[in-house]
């Protein structure tokens, strides 16, 4: 779900549903450890606003899944570079949630796609050891494979 001026991925979700795919939205973990779980989402499902005002599916905790069970994660961003680095909203939620990918050397499920406007591209973003790089970057103009 787009929030605060982000590029809206709704048309991607609509296409996924037409293809028989399942879509999930991130939700803040009930343990408040600044990480995310993912809730199944269908069109017109009831949503509630979390502590940051971001809509989340209203769903029982037992139906939430971990990122490692997803095939693809589309992540919003504030800025990105062509090396797969991104700047988010500053909370580190996606890096904490996806940190397990940094320890993998083979299959990197889920694949990570950053989504933003082309004007959000910058020449270089410094990275830290805990940052999880993108595999792809999608803008209103193109899709770029990073790795």
Protein backbone atom coordinates (compact mmCIF):
# COMPACT_ATOMS: atom_id res chain seq x y z
CA UNK A 1 0.00 0.00 0.00
CA UNK A 2 1.35 3.39 -0.92
CA UNK A 3 1.91 5.75 1.98
CA UNK A 4 3.08 9.34 2.24
CA UNK A 5 3.56 9.98 -1.50
CA UNK A 6 5.16 6.61 -2.34
CA UNK A 7 4.80 5.09 -5.80
CA UNK A 8 1.58 3.05 -5.62
CA UNK A 9 2.07 -0.70 -6.23
CA UNK A 10 -1.69 -1.38 -6.46
CA UNK A 11 -1.55 -2.21 -10.18
CA UNK A 12 1.17 -4.77 -9.47
CA UNK A 13 -1.06 -6.38 -6.85
CA UNK A 14 -4.05 -6.36 -9.21
CA UNK A 15 -1.96 -8.11 -11.88
CA UNK A 16 -0.73 -10.64 -9.32
CA UNK A 17 -4.31 -11.42 -8.26
CA UNK A 18 -5.32 -11.87 -11.91
CA UNK A 19 -2.47 -14.40 -12.21
CA UNK A 20 -3.74 -16.31 -9.16
CA UNK A 21 -0.92 -15.10 -6.89
CA UNK A 22 -1.24 -14.28 -3.20
CA UNK A 23 -0.35 -10.81 -1.94
CA UNK A 24 0.77 -9.84 1.54
CA UNK A 25 1.19 -6.54 3.31
CA UNK A 26 3.76 -5.81 6.00
CA UNK A 27 2.58 -5.40 9.57
CA UNK A 28 4.51 -4.32 12.63
CA UNK A 29 5.37 -7.29 14.83
CA UNK A 30 3.27 -7.64 17.97
CA UNK A 31 6.51 -7.93 19.99
CA UNK A 32 7.53 -4.37 19.04
CA UNK A 33 11.05 -5.48 18.02
CA UNK A 34 11.06 -3.11 15.04
CA UNK A 35 10.65 -5.88 12.48
CA UNK A 36 7.84 -6.91 10.16
CA UNK A 37 5.60 -9.88 9.58
CA UNK A 38 3.35 -10.22 6.55
CA UNK A 39 -0.43 -10.57 6.40
CA UNK A 40 -2.43 -12.01 3.52
CA UNK A 41 -4.29 -9.27 1.69
CA UNK A 42 -7.26 -9.39 -0.65
CA UNK A 43 -9.02 -6.49 -2.34
CA UNK A 44 -11.40 -4.70 0.01
CA UNK A 45 -10.02 -6.46 3.11
CA UNK A 46 -10.46 -4.35 6.25
CA UNK A 47 -7.42 -2.28 7.18
CA UNK A 48 -6.41 -0.51 10.38
CA UNK A 49 -3.77 2.18 10.81
CA UNK A 50 -0.69 1.23 12.80
CA UNK A 51 1.18 3.57 15.16
CA UNK A 52 2.75 5.35 12.16
CA UNK A 53 -0.57 5.79 10.36
CA UNK A 54 0.24 3.11 7.76
CA UNK A 55 -2.66 0.82 6.79
CA UNK A 56 -2.31 -2.84 7.77
CA UNK A 57 -4.70 -5.78 7.32
CA UNK A 58 -6.83 -6.53 10.36
CA UNK A 59 -5.91 -10.16 10.90
CA UNK A 60 -5.22 -12.58 13.74
CA UNK A 61 -1.53 -12.96 14.61
CA UNK A 62 -1.62 -16.70 13.86
CA UNK A 63 -2.13 -15.88 10.15
CA UNK A 64 0.98 -13.71 9.88
CA UNK A 65 4.01 -15.15 8.09
CA UNK A 66 7.74 -14.42 8.07
CA UNK A 67 9.55 -12.85 5.13
CA UNK A 68 11.51 -16.06 4.49
CA UNK A 69 8.22 -17.64 3.34
CA UNK A 70 7.68 -15.09 0.58
CA UNK A 71 8.97 -15.27 -2.99
CA UNK A 72 9.11 -11.52 -3.59
CA UNK A 73 9.14 -8.42 -1.39
CA UNK A 74 8.42 -5.03 -2.95
CA UNK A 75 9.86 -2.36 -0.67
CA UNK A 76 9.18 1.38 -0.66
CA UNK A 77 12.08 3.78 -0.43
CA UNK A 78 13.14 7.38 -0.14
CA UNK A 79 16.28 7.06 -2.28
CA UNK A 80 18.25 4.34 -4.11
CA UNK A 81 21.42 3.84 -6.13
CA UNK A 82 22.35 1.39 -8.90
CA UNK A 83 24.38 -0.76 -6.48
CA UNK A 84 21.22 -1.90 -4.66
CA UNK A 85 21.50 0.44 -1.71
CA UNK A 86 18.37 2.15 -0.45
CA UNK A 87 17.29 4.65 2.12
CA UNK A 88 13.93 3.99 3.69
CA UNK A 89 11.98 6.00 6.22
CA UNK A 90 14.72 5.51 8.82
CA UNK A 91 13.30 2.86 11.15
CA UNK A 92 15.35 -0.08 9.86
CA UNK A 93 12.29 -2.35 9.79
CA UNK A 94 13.06 -3.97 6.42
CA UNK A 95 16.77 -4.44 7.24
CA UNK A 96 15.90 -6.17 10.54
CA UNK A 97 13.23 -8.29 8.88
CA UNK A 98 15.40 -9.31 5.92
CA UNK A 99 18.78 -9.46 7.65
CA UNK A 100 18.88 -13.26 7.30
CA UNK A 101 19.52 -12.73 3.56
CA UNK A 102 22.96 -11.25 4.27
CA UNK A 103 24.11 -14.64 5.63
CA UNK A 104 23.01 -16.57 2.54
CA UNK A 105 25.40 -17.35 -0.29
CA UNK A 106 23.08 -19.32 -2.58
CA UNK A 107 19.34 -18.91 -3.18
CA UNK A 108 18.16 -15.55 -1.86
CA UNK A 109 14.44 -15.99 -1.33
CA UNK A 110 12.64 -13.68 -1.18
CA UNK A 111 13.78 -11.54 -4.08
CA UNK A 112 13.85 -7.86 -3.16
CA UNK A 113 12.51 -5.13 -5.40
CA UNK A 114 12.68 -1.50 -4.40
CA UNK A 115 9.89 0.65 -5.76
CA UNK A 116 10.12 4.39 -6.19
CA UNK A 117 10.13 7.25 -8.63
CA UNK A 118 13.07 7.73 -10.99
CA UNK A 119 13.81 11.13 -9.42
CA UNK A 120 14.64 9.27 -6.17
CA UNK A 121 17.76 7.76 -7.76
CA UNK A 122 21.05 9.14 -6.45
CA UNK A 123 24.60 8.42 -7.58
CA UNK A 124 25.72 6.69 -4.40
CA UNK A 125 24.41 5.72 -0.97
CA UNK A 126 26.78 4.57 1.74
CA UNK A 127 26.00 1.18 3.21
CA UNK A 128 26.43 -0.43 6.61
CA UNK A 129 27.02 -4.15 7.31
CA UNK A 130 23.40 -4.62 8.41
CA UNK A 131 21.92 -3.07 5.25
CA UNK A 132 20.17 -5.57 2.99
CA UNK A 133 20.73 -4.72 -0.70
CA UNK A 134 18.02 -4.77 -3.34
CA UNK A 135 18.07 -7.22 -6.24
CA UNK A 136 15.96 -4.99 -8.50
CA UNK A 137 14.73 -1.44 -8.63
CA UNK A 138 11.40 -0.54 -10.24
CA UNK A 139 10.40 3.00 -11.14
CA UNK A 140 7.68 4.49 -13.29
CA UNK A 141 10.23 4.33 -16.15
CA UNK A 142 11.98 0.96 -15.89
CA UNK A 143 12.97 -2.14 -14.00
CA UNK A 144 16.69 -2.43 -13.26
CA UNK A 145 18.39 -5.67 -12.21
CA UNK A 146 21.02 -4.82 -9.59
CA UNK A 147 22.75 -8.19 -9.28
